Amino acid sequence: MDGKGLTCATRDWQTPIRIDRGDPQQLLPPVRDQIRQLDSGLPVFDVTTMNAQVQYGKPLLPARLGAMLVGAFGLLGLVLASVGVFGVVSYSVSQRTHEIGIRSALGAQRFHVLAMILRQGMSMAFKTRTKGE
């Protein structure tokens, strides 16, 4: 559905009503009147638009919360992994500061020094990944 419509809930069931033109909220009173004409004892409640039903509806709430929770934990894992890789590369660079200084003093360009550091960091990451540690 494209989001244009109403859902009308009664005690035992829920009925979607498709609206092709206009605002679904404006058709609410005629829909209620028609339902009362058919069965005056039938209570009509929880009338919402399809957009509201999809965004805030009770059937989708557990799935939406579960997806948000899984996404949050995934993001947390990504941040922790990034901090860990940064820490390992930072420690490795701090151990080689004298070597980097000597290379720079002898005329090595910054790009080559940076490439050497990144190559070492990536090789360390791939070795660890293949070992499974």
Foldseek 3Di string as FASTA:
>chain_A
DPQAWKWKDWPPDIDIDHDDDDHRVVCVVVVVVVVCVVPVPIDIDDIDTSVCCVVPNPVCVVVVVVVVVVVVVVVVVVVVVVVVLVVVLVVVCVVCVVVLVVCVVVPDDPVVSVVVSVVVSVVVVVVCVVVVD
